[in-house]
Amino acid sequence: IERCYIYYLRQYQSLEVLARQRYCLVDYDAFVVDPVSQFQRVADYLKAELTPKTAEVLSSVRHMEQRPPPDTISGIDTSLQRRVNAIVEKAYSILG
């Protein structure tokens, strides 16, 4: 699990820099809850229009119910947990 945390930190620490460059960021959780509006943001960014085929594909996106994850976090170093939580909060503030 600590390796996953470290990987997550490496991937998302540059999120703020990417947001200022020529990237359109999509929050996966927001996408599965409301795929049409999230994909519309991407289309707007690309100056494209959604087609009937796109709408058909997006209608198949579903949020999958998951069981609560096992408690694997309690064994993680608390300073590493705080760093990951800070990155998550920053990502959500950037993604809006």
PDB file of N, CA and C in Angstrom:
ATOM      1  N   ILE A   1       0.831  -1.191   0.000  1.00  0.00           N
ATOM      2  CA  ILE A   1       0.000   0.000   0.000  1.00  0.00           C
ATOM      3  C   ILE A   1       0.874   1.252   0.000  1.00  0.00           C
ATOM      4  N   GLU A   2       1.977   1.240   0.740  1.00  0.00           N
ATOM      5  CA  GLU A   2       2.837   2.426   0.753  1.00  0.00           C
ATOM      6  C   GLU A   2       3.378   2.725  -0.641  1.00  0.00           C
ATOM      7  N   ARG A   3       3.675   1.699  -1.403  1.00  0.00           N
ATOM      8  CA  ARG A   3       4.128   1.915  -2.785  1.00  0.00           C
ATOM      9  C   ARG A   3       3.044   2.618  -3.595  1.00  0.00           C
ATOM     10  N   CYS A   4       1.794   2.222  -3.376  1.00  0.00           N
ATOM     11  CA  CYS A   4       0.680   2.874  -4.078  1.00  0.00           C
ATOM     12  C   CYS A   4       0.605   4.344  -3.697  1.00  0.00           C
ATOM     13  N   TYR A   5       0.768   4.633  -2.421  1.00  0.00           N
ATOM     14  CA  TYR A   5       0.746   6.023  -1.964  1.00  0.00           C
ATOM     15  C   TYR A   5       1.867   6.820  -2.623  1.00  0.00           C
ATOM     16  N   ILE A   6       3.047   6.250  -2.650  1.00  0.00           N
ATOM     17  CA  ILE A   6       4.192   6.950  -3.243  1.00  0.00           C
ATOM     18  C   ILE A   6       3.957   7.168  -4.738  1.00  0.00           C
ATOM     19  N   TYR A   7       3.439   6.163  -5.425  1.00  0.00           N
ATOM     20  CA  TYR A   7       3.123   6.310  -6.845  1.00  0.00           C
ATOM     21  C   TYR A   7       2.093   7.419  -7.053  1.00  0.00           C
ATOM     22  N   TYR A   8       1.067   7.422  -6.219  1.00  0.00           N
ATOM     23  CA  TYR A   8       0.022   8.446  -6.301  1.00  0.00           C
ATOM     24  C   TYR A   8       0.633   9.836  -6.144  1.00  0.00           C
ATOM     25  N   LEU A   9       1.516   9.983  -5.158  1.00  0.00           N
ATOM     26  CA  LEU A   9       2.176  11.273  -4.956  1.00  0.00           C
ATOM     27  C   LEU A   9       2.954  11.694  -6.188  1.00  0.00           C
ATOM     28  N   ARG A  10       3.707  10.777  -6.748  1.00  0.00           N
ATOM     29  CA  ARG A  10       4.515  11.106  -7.936  1.00  0.00           C
ATOM     30  C   ARG A  10       3.640  11.520  -9.110  1.00  0.00           C
ATOM     31  N   GLN A  11       2.522  10.842  -9.295  1.00  0.00           N
ATOM     32  CA  GLN A  11       1.654  11.135 -10.428  1.00  0.00           C
ATOM     33  C   GLN A  11       0.916  12.457 -10.287  1.00  0.00           C
ATOM     34  N   TYR A  12       0.502  12.792  -9.089  1.00  0.00           N
ATOM     35  CA  TYR A  12      -0.379  13.935  -8.904  1.00  0.00           C
ATOM     36  C   TYR A  12       0.291  15.196  -8.390  1.00  0.00           C
ATOM     37  N   GLN A  13       1.565  15.127  -8.010  1.00  0.00           N
ATOM     38  CA  GLN A  13       2.229  16.336  -7.546  1.00  0.00           C
ATOM     39  C   GLN A  13       2.355  17.368  -8.654  1.00  0.00           C
ATOM     40  N   SER A  14       2.387  16.924  -9.881  1.00  0.00           N
ATOM     41  CA  SER A  14       2.522  17.852 -11.005  1.00  0.00           C
ATOM     42  C   SER A  14       1.169  18.300 -11.545  1.00  0.00           C
ATOM     43  N   LEU A  15       0.090  17.943 -10.877  1.00  0.00           N
ATOM     44  CA  LEU A  15      -1.246  18.260 -11.369  1.00  0.00           C
ATOM     45  C   LEU A  15      -1.462  19.752 -11.567  1.00  0.00           C
ATOM     46  N   GLU A  16      -0.982  20.554 -10.645  1.00  0.00           N
ATOM     47  CA  GLU A  16      -1.167  22.002 -10.755  1.00  0.00           C
ATOM     48  C   GLU A  16      -0.449  22.546 -11.981  1.00  0.00           C
ATOM     49  N   VAL A  17       0.741  22.035 -12.261  1.00  0.00           N
ATOM     50  CA  VAL A  17       1.495  22.468 -13.444  1.00  0.00           C
ATOM     51  C   VAL A  17       0.744  22.054 -14.702  1.00  0.00           C
ATOM     52  N   LEU A  18       0.243  20.829 -14.720  1.00  0.00           N
ATOM     53  CA  LEU A  18      -0.492  20.351 -15.892  1.00  0.00           C
ATOM     54  C   LEU A  18      -1.740  21.186 -16.147  1.00  0.00           C
ATOM     55  N   ALA A  19      -2.424  21.568 -15.085  1.00  0.00           N
ATOM     56  CA  ALA A  19      -3.653  22.341 -15.233  1.00  0.00           C
ATOM     57  C   ALA A  19      -3.383  23.686 -15.887  1.00  0.00           C
ATOM     58  N   ARG A  20      -2.197  24.231 -15.687  1.00  0.00           N
ATOM     59  CA  ARG A  20      -1.865  25.528 -16.279  1.00  0.00           C
ATOM     60  C   ARG A  20      -1.394  25.380 -17.719  1.00  0.00           C
ATOM     61  N   GLN A  21      -1.077  24.175 -18.123  1.00  0.00           N
ATOM     62  CA  GLN A  21      -0.611  23.957 -19.486  1.00  0.00           C
ATOM     63  C   GLN A  21      -1.798  23.581 -20.367  1.00  0.00           C
ATOM     64  N   ARG A  22      -1.530  22.935 -21.451  1.00  0.00           N
ATOM     65  CA  ARG A  22      -2.583  22.626 -22.411  1.00  0.00           C
ATOM     66  C   ARG A  22      -3.194  21.259 -22.155  1.00  0.00           C
ATOM     67  N   TYR A  23      -3.794  21.102 -20.989  1.00  0.00           N
ATOM     68  CA  TYR A  23      -4.404  19.839 -20.618  1.00  0.00           C
ATOM     69  C   TYR A  23      -5.816  20.075 -20.118  1.00  0.00           C
ATOM     70  N   CYS A  24      -6.667  19.126 -20.353  1.00  0.00           N
ATOM     71  CA  CYS A  24      -8.021  19.148 -19.809  1.00  0.00           C
ATOM     72  C   CYS A  24      -8.096  17.983 -18.828  1.00  0.00           C
ATOM     73  N   LEU A  25      -8.233  18.292 -17.559  1.00  0.00           N
ATOM     74  CA  LEU A  25      -8.250  17.263 -16.533  1.00  0.00           C
ATOM     75  C   LEU A  25      -9.679  16.811 -16.269  1.00  0.00           C
ATOM     76  N   VAL A  26      -9.856  15.502 -16.096  1.00  0.00           N
ATOM     77  CA  VAL A  26     -11.170  14.938 -15.828  1.00  0.00           C
ATOM     78  C   VAL A  26     -11.084  14.116 -14.545  1.00  0.00           C
ATOM     79  N   ASP A  27     -11.969  14.405 -13.626  1.00  0.00           N
ATOM     80  CA  ASP A  27     -12.060  13.661 -12.379  1.00  0.00           C
ATOM     81  C   ASP A  27     -12.867  12.395 -12.661  1.00  0.00           C
ATOM     82  N   TYR A  28     -12.254  11.241 -12.484  1.00  0.00           N
ATOM     83  CA  TYR A  28     -12.915   9.972 -12.789  1.00  0.00           C
ATOM     84  C   TYR A  28     -14.216   9.816 -12.008  1.00  0.00           C
ATOM     85  N   ASP A  29     -14.172  10.127 -10.710  1.00  0.00           N
ATOM     86  CA  ASP A  29     -15.373   9.969  -9.885  1.00  0.00           C
ATOM     87  C   ASP A  29     -16.511  10.850 -10.390  1.00  0.00           C
ATOM     88  N   ALA A  30     -16.195  12.077 -10.765  1.00  0.00           N
ATOM     89  CA  ALA A  30     -17.226  12.969 -11.309  1.00  0.00           C
ATOM     90  C   ALA A  30     -17.708  12.446 -12.664  1.00  0.00           C
ATOM     91  N   PHE A  31     -16.806  11.868 -13.443  1.00  0.00           N
ATOM     92  CA  PHE A  31     -17.169  11.350 -14.758  1.00  0.00           C
ATOM     93  C   PHE A  31     -18.170  10.205 -14.657  1.00  0.00           C
ATOM     94  N   VAL A  32     -17.950   9.256 -13.754  1.00  0.00           N
ATOM     95  CA  VAL A  32     -18.877   8.126 -13.680  1.00  0.00           C
ATOM     96  C   VAL A  32     -20.225   8.527 -13.088  1.00  0.00           C
ATOM     97  N   VAL A  33     -20.253   9.611 -12.303  1.00  0.00           N
ATOM     98  CA  VAL A  33     -21.519  10.095 -11.756  1.00  0.00           C
ATOM     99  C   VAL A  33     -22.303  10.869 -12.808  1.00  0.00           C
ATOM    100  N   ASP A  34     -21.606  11.696 -13.604  1.00  0.00           N
ATOM    101  CA  ASP A  34     -22.275  12.534 -14.608  1.00  0.00           C
ATOM    102  C   ASP A  34     -21.421  12.590 -15.879  1.00  0.00           C
ATOM    103  N   PRO A  35     -21.404  11.488 -16.640  1.00  0.00           N
ATOM    104  CA  PRO A  35     -20.509  11.413 -17.791  1.00  0.00           C
ATOM    105  C   PRO A  35     -20.788  12.443 -18.883  1.00  0.00           C
ATOM    106  N   VAL A  36     -22.032  12.785 -19.088  1.00  0.00           N
ATOM    107  CA  VAL A  36     -22.358  13.712 -20.182  1.00  0.00           C
ATOM    108  C   VAL A  36     -21.778  15.093 -19.911  1.00  0.00           C
ATOM    109  N   SER A  37     -22.019  15.641 -18.728  1.00  0.00           N
ATOM    110  CA  SER A  37     -21.511  16.994 -18.464  1.00  0.00           C
ATOM    111  C   SER A  37     -19.990  17.011 -18.374  1.00  0.00           C
ATOM    112  N   GLN A  38     -19.403  15.937 -17.836  1.00  0.00           N
ATOM    113  CA  GLN A  38     -17.945  15.899 -17.763  1.00  0.00           C
ATOM    114  C   GLN A  38     -17.326  15.792 -19.161  1.00  0.00           C
ATOM    115  N   PHE A  39     -17.941  14.971 -20.016  1.00  0.00           N
ATOM    116  CA  PHE A  39     -17.413  14.852 -21.373  1.00  0.00           C
ATOM    117  C   PHE A  39     -17.681  16.111 -22.175  1.00  0.00           C
ATOM    118  N   GLN A  40     -18.770  16.803 -21.851  1.00  0.00           N
ATOM    119  CA  GLN A  40     -19.058  18.076 -22.516  1.00  0.00           C
ATOM    120  C   GLN A  40     -17.935  19.071 -22.235  1.00  0.00           C
ATOM    121  N   ARG A  41     -17.394  19.058 -20.996  1.00  0.00           N
ATOM    122  CA  ARG A  41     -16.251  19.923 -20.671  1.00  0.00           C
ATOM    123  C   ARG A  41     -15.067  19.622 -21.589  1.00  0.00           C
ATOM    124  N   VAL A  42     -14.823  18.322 -21.827  1.00  0.00           N
ATOM    125  CA  VAL A  42     -13.729  17.923 -22.718  1.00  0.00           C
ATOM    126  C   VAL A  42     -14.013  18.400 -24.137  1.00  0.00           C
ATOM    127  N   ALA A  43     -15.238  18.203 -24.596  1.00  0.00           N
ATOM    128  CA  ALA A  43     -15.616  18.646 -25.944  1.00  0.00           C
ATOM    129  C   ALA A  43     -15.470  20.159 -26.075  1.00  0.00           C
ATOM    130  N   ASP A  44     -15.905  20.896 -25.052  1.00  0.00           N
ATOM    131  CA  ASP A  44     -15.757  22.358 -25.079  1.00  0.00           C
ATOM    132  C   ASP A  44     -14.287  22.748 -25.149  1.00  0.00           C
ATOM    133  N   TYR A  45     -13.466  22.061 -24.377  1.00  0.00           N
ATOM    134  CA  TYR A  45     -12.029  22.342 -24.375  1.00  0.00           C
ATOM    135  C   TYR A  45     -11.435  22.115 -25.770  1.00  0.00           C
ATOM    136  N   LEU A  46     -11.903  21.068 -26.430  1.00  0.00           N
ATOM    137  CA  LEU A  46     -11.394  20.727 -27.768  1.00  0.00           C
ATOM    138  C   LEU A  46     -12.129  21.465 -28.882  1.00  0.00           C
ATOM    139  N   LYS A  47     -13.128  22.280 -28.491  1.00  0.00           N
ATOM    140  CA  LYS A  47     -13.962  22.986 -29.464  1.00  0.00           C
ATOM    141  C   LYS A  47     -14.625  21.981 -30.420  1.00  0.00           C
ATOM    142  N   ALA A  48     -15.164  20.935 -29.808  1.00  0.00           N
ATOM    143  CA  ALA A  48     -15.833  19.876 -30.566  1.00  0.00           C
ATOM    144  C   ALA A  48     -17.279  19.764 -30.099  1.00  0.00           C
ATOM    145  N   GLU A  49     -18.069  19.053 -30.857  1.00  0.00           N
ATOM    146  CA  GLU A  49     -19.457  18.845 -30.493  1.00  0.00           C
ATOM    147  C   GLU A  49     -19.689  17.367 -30.230  1.00  0.00           C
ATOM    148  N   LEU A  50     -20.577  17.100 -29.283  1.00  0.00           N
ATOM    149  CA  LEU A  50     -20.946  15.716 -29.012  1.00  0.00           C
ATOM    150  C   LEU A  50     -21.838  15.217 -30.136  1.00  0.00           C
ATOM    151  N   THR A  51     -21.609  14.003 -30.570  1.00  0.00           N
ATOM    152  CA  THR A  51     -22.420  13.397 -31.627  1.00  0.00           C
ATOM    153  C   THR A  51     -23.406  12.415 -30.998  1.00  0.00           C
ATOM    154  N   PRO A  52     -24.405  11.986 -31.759  1.00  0.00           N
ATOM    155  CA  PRO A  52     -25.321  10.975 -31.228  1.00  0.00           C
ATOM    156  C   PRO A  52     -24.586   9.701 -30.787  1.00  0.00           C
ATOM    157  N   LYS A  53     -23.539   9.322 -31.499  1.00  0.00           N
ATOM    158  CA  LYS A  53     -22.770   8.129 -31.123  1.00  0.00           C
ATOM    159  C   LYS A  53     -22.086   8.348 -29.772  1.00  0.00           C
ATOM    160  N   THR A  54     -21.546   9.548 -29.555  1.00  0.00           N
ATOM    161  CA  THR A  54     -20.911   9.859 -28.276  1.00  0.00           C
ATOM    162  C   THR A  54     -21.937   9.768 -27.153  1.00  0.00           C
ATOM    163  N   ALA A  55     -23.108  10.341 -27.381  1.00  0.00           N
ATOM    164  CA  ALA A  55     -24.171  10.284 -26.370  1.00  0.00           C
ATOM    165  C   ALA A  55     -24.564   8.838 -26.079  1.00  0.00           C
ATOM    166  N   GLU A  56     -24.610   8.014 -27.111  1.00  0.00           N
ATOM    167  CA  GLU A  56     -24.936   6.595 -26.932  1.00  0.00           C
ATOM    168  C   GLU A  56     -23.886   5.895 -26.070  1.00  0.00           C
ATOM    169  N   VAL A  57     -22.623   6.148 -26.364  1.00  0.00           N
ATOM    170  CA  VAL A  57     -21.539   5.533 -25.583  1.00  0.00           C
ATOM    171  C   VAL A  57     -21.566   6.036 -24.144  1.00  0.00           C
ATOM    172  N   LEU A  58     -21.758   7.328 -23.960  1.00  0.00           N
ATOM    173  CA  LEU A  58     -21.780   7.892 -22.605  1.00  0.00           C
ATOM    174  C   LEU A  58     -22.947   7.367 -21.777  1.00  0.00           C
ATOM    175  N   SER A  59     -24.045   7.020 -22.446  1.00  0.00           N
ATOM    176  CA  SER A  59     -25.196   6.494 -21.706  1.00  0.00           C
ATOM    177  C   SER A  59     -24.907   5.133 -21.081  1.00  0.00           C
ATOM    178  N   SER A  60     -23.859   4.469 -21.532  1.00  0.00           N
ATOM    179  CA  SER A  60     -23.513   3.161 -20.973  1.00  0.00           C
ATOM    180  C   SER A  60     -22.579   3.261 -19.764  1.00  0.00           C
ATOM    181  N   VAL A  61     -22.094   4.467 -19.460  1.00  0.00           N
ATOM    182  CA  VAL A  61     -21.205   4.646 -18.315  1.00  0.00           C
ATOM    183  C   VAL A  61     -22.025   4.523 -17.039  1.00  0.00           C
ATOM    184  N   ARG A  62     -21.591   3.677 -16.145  1.00  0.00           N
ATOM    185  CA  ARG A  62     -22.312   3.453 -14.898  1.00  0.00           C
ATOM    186  C   ARG A  62     -21.352   3.489 -13.721  1.00  0.00           C
ATOM    187  N   HIS A  63     -21.858   4.013 -12.626  1.00  0.00           N
ATOM    188  CA  HIS A  63     -21.096   3.965 -11.377  1.00  0.00           C
ATOM    189  C   HIS A  63     -21.302   2.581 -10.780  1.00  0.00           C
ATOM    190  N   MET A  64     -20.217   1.913 -10.496  1.00  0.00           N
ATOM    191  CA  MET A  64     -20.310   0.564  -9.947  1.00  0.00           C
ATOM    192  C   MET A  64     -20.272   0.615  -8.424  1.00  0.00           C
ATOM    193  N   GLU A  65     -21.213  -0.065  -7.819  1.00  0.00           N
ATOM    194  CA  GLU A  65     -21.216  -0.157  -6.362  1.00  0.00           C
ATOM    195  C   GLU A  65     -20.028  -1.006  -5.932  1.00  0.00           C
ATOM    196  N   GLN A  66     -19.385  -0.544  -4.907  1.00  0.00           N
ATOM    197  CA  GLN A  66     -18.235  -1.290  -4.396  1.00  0.00           C
ATOM    198  C   GLN A  66     -18.427  -1.550  -2.917  1.00  0.00           C
ATOM    199  N   ARG A  67     -17.847  -2.627  -2.481  1.00  0.00           N
ATOM    200  CA  ARG A  67     -17.841  -2.906  -1.056  1.00  0.00           C
ATOM    201  C   ARG A  67     -16.816  -1.991  -0.400  1.00  0.00           C
ATOM    202  N   PRO A  68     -17.005  -1.694   0.857  1.00  0.00           N
ATOM    203  CA  PRO A  68     -16.003  -0.874   1.547  1.00  0.00           C
ATOM    204  C   PRO A  68     -14.642  -1.558   1.481  1.00  0.00           C
ATOM    205  N   PRO A  69     -13.603  -0.796   1.221  1.00  0.00           N
ATOM    206  CA  PRO A  69     -12.277  -1.412   1.136  1.00  0.00           C
ATOM    207  C   PRO A  69     -11.818  -1.899   2.506  1.00  0.00           C
ATOM    208  N   PRO A  70     -10.974  -2.901   2.522  1.00  0.00           N
ATOM    209  CA  PRO A  70     -10.446  -3.346   3.808  1.00  0.00           C
ATOM    210  C   PRO A  70      -9.582  -2.245   4.427  1.00  0.00           C
ATOM    211  N   ASP A  71      -9.436  -2.276   5.713  1.00  0.00           N
ATOM    212  CA  ASP A  71      -8.644  -1.257   6.403  1.00  0.00           C
ATOM    213  C   ASP A  71      -7.159  -1.532   6.189  1.00  0.00           C
ATOM    214  N   THR A  72      -6.635  -1.022   5.092  1.00  0.00           N
ATOM    215  CA  THR A  72      -5.215  -1.181   4.813  1.00  0.00           C
ATOM    216  C   THR A  72      -4.452   0.100   5.118  1.00  0.00           C
ATOM    217  N   ILE A  73      -5.170   1.173   5.355  1.00  0.00           N
ATOM    218  CA  ILE A  73      -4.567   2.482   5.563  1.00  0.00           C
ATOM    219  C   ILE A  73      -3.939   2.615   6.948  1.00  0.00           C
ATOM    220  N   SER A  74      -4.515   1.955   7.938  1.00  0.00           N
ATOM    221  CA  SER A  74      -4.049   2.179   9.306  1.00  0.00           C
ATOM    222  C   SER A  74      -2.579   1.822   9.499  1.00  0.00           C
ATOM    223  N   GLY A  75      -2.022   0.975   8.665  1.00  0.00           N
ATOM    224  CA  GLY A  75      -0.616   0.606   8.792  1.00  0.00           C
ATOM    225  C   GLY A  75       0.341   1.541   8.067  1.00  0.00           C
ATOM    226  N   ILE A  76      -0.191   2.536   7.359  1.00  0.00           N
ATOM    227  CA  ILE A  76       0.639   3.456   6.574  1.00  0.00           C
ATOM    228  C   ILE A  76       1.179   4.568   7.469  1.00  0.00           C
ATOM    229  N   ASP A  77       2.397   4.948   7.211  1.00  0.00           N
ATOM    230  CA  ASP A  77       3.018   6.049   7.941  1.00  0.00           C
ATOM    231  C   ASP A  77       2.124   7.292   7.850  1.00  0.00           C
ATOM    232  N   THR A  78       1.846   7.924   8.986  1.00  0.00           N
ATOM    233  CA  THR A  78       0.906   9.054   9.012  1.00  0.00           C
ATOM    234  C   THR A  78       1.399  10.254   8.215  1.00  0.00           C
ATOM    235  N   SER A  79       2.705  10.472   8.156  1.00  0.00           N
ATOM    236  CA  SER A  79       3.197  11.611   7.365  1.00  0.00           C
ATOM    237  C   SER A  79       2.942  11.374   5.877  1.00  0.00           C
ATOM    238  N   LEU A  80       3.056  10.129   5.440  1.00  0.00           N
ATOM    239  CA  LEU A  80       2.768   9.794   4.042  1.00  0.00           C
ATOM    240  C   LEU A  80       1.273   9.957   3.770  1.00  0.00           C
ATOM    241  N   GLN A  81       0.441   9.540   4.718  1.00  0.00           N
ATOM    242  CA  GLN A  81      -1.003   9.726   4.573  1.00  0.00           C
ATOM    243  C   GLN A  81      -1.345  11.204   4.430  1.00  0.00           C
ATOM    244  N   ARG A  82      -0.726  12.056   5.257  1.00  0.00           N
ATOM    245  CA  ARG A  82      -1.005  13.497   5.194  1.00  0.00           C
ATOM    246  C   ARG A  82      -0.588  14.067   3.842  1.00  0.00           C
ATOM    247  N   ARG A  83       0.548  13.630   3.315  1.00  0.00           N
ATOM    248  CA  ARG A  83       1.001  14.127   2.012  1.00  0.00           C
ATOM    249  C   ARG A  83       0.017  13.750   0.915  1.00  0.00           C
ATOM    250  N   VAL A  84      -0.450  12.507   0.932  1.00  0.00           N
ATOM    251  CA  VAL A  84      -1.407  12.059  -0.082  1.00  0.00           C
ATOM    252  C   VAL A  84      -2.726  12.817   0.067  1.00  0.00           C
ATOM    253  N   ASN A  85      -3.196  12.981   1.292  1.00  0.00           N
ATOM    254  CA  ASN A  85      -4.444  13.721   1.512  1.00  0.00           C
ATOM    255  C   ASN A  85      -4.324  15.154   1.016  1.00  0.00           C
ATOM    256  N   ALA A  86      -3.185  15.779   1.215  1.00  0.00           N
ATOM    257  CA  ALA A  86      -2.974  17.152   0.733  1.00  0.00           C
ATOM    258  C   ALA A  86      -3.024  17.200  -0.793  1.00  0.00           C
ATOM    259  N   ILE A  87      -2.425  16.207  -1.447  1.00  0.00           N
ATOM    260  CA  ILE A  87      -2.444  16.144  -2.909  1.00  0.00           C
ATOM    261  C   ILE A  87      -3.879  15.940  -3.405  1.00  0.00           C
ATOM    262  N   VAL A  88      -4.638  15.085  -2.733  1.00  0.00           N
ATOM    263  CA  VAL A  88      -6.031  14.848  -3.131  1.00  0.00           C
ATOM    264  C   VAL A  88      -6.835  16.138  -3.007  1.00  0.00           C
ATOM    265  N   GLU A  89      -6.679  16.840  -1.909  1.00  0.00           N
ATOM    266  CA  GLU A  89      -7.402  18.101  -1.724  1.00  0.00           C
ATOM    267  C   GLU A  89      -7.012  19.111  -2.792  1.00  0.00           C
ATOM    268  N   LYS A  90      -5.732  19.196  -3.117  1.00  0.00           N
ATOM    269  CA  LYS A  90      -5.276  20.115  -4.156  1.00  0.00           C
ATOM    270  C   LYS A  90      -5.867  19.730  -5.512  1.00  0.00           C
ATOM    271  N   ALA A  91      -5.904  18.423  -5.791  1.00  0.00           N
ATOM    272  CA  ALA A  91      -6.456  17.958  -7.072  1.00  0.00           C
ATOM    273  C   ALA A  91      -7.920  18.359  -7.200  1.00  0.00           C
ATOM    274  N   TYR A  92      -8.691  18.152  -6.131  1.00  0.00           N
ATOM    275  CA  TYR A  92     -10.109  18.524  -6.185  1.00  0.00           C
ATOM    276  C   TYR A  92     -10.281  20.037  -6.326  1.00  0.00           C
ATOM    277  N   SER A  93      -9.406  20.830  -5.725  1.00  0.00           N
ATOM    278  CA  SER A  93      -9.535  22.280  -5.874  1.00  0.00           C
ATOM    279  C   SER A  93      -9.196  22.713  -7.297  1.00  0.00           C
ATOM    280  N   ILE A  94      -8.265  22.025  -7.933  1.00  0.00           N
ATOM    281  CA  ILE A  94      -7.889  22.357  -9.308  1.00  0.00           C
ATOM    282  C   ILE A  94      -8.980  21.910 -10.273  1.00  0.00           C
ATOM    283  N   LEU A  95      -9.506  20.699 -10.056  1.00  0.00           N
ATOM    284  CA  LEU A  95     -10.523  20.165 -10.953  1.00  0.00           C
ATOM    285  C   LEU A  95     -11.866  20.829 -10.779  1.00  0.00           C
ATOM    286  N   GLY A  96     -12.058  21.448  -9.612  1.00  0.00           N
ATOM    287  CA  GLY A  96     -13.305  22.174  -9.351  1.00  0.00           C
ATOM    288  C   GLY A  96     -14.413  21.232  -9.171  1.00  0.00           C
TER     289      GLY A  96
END
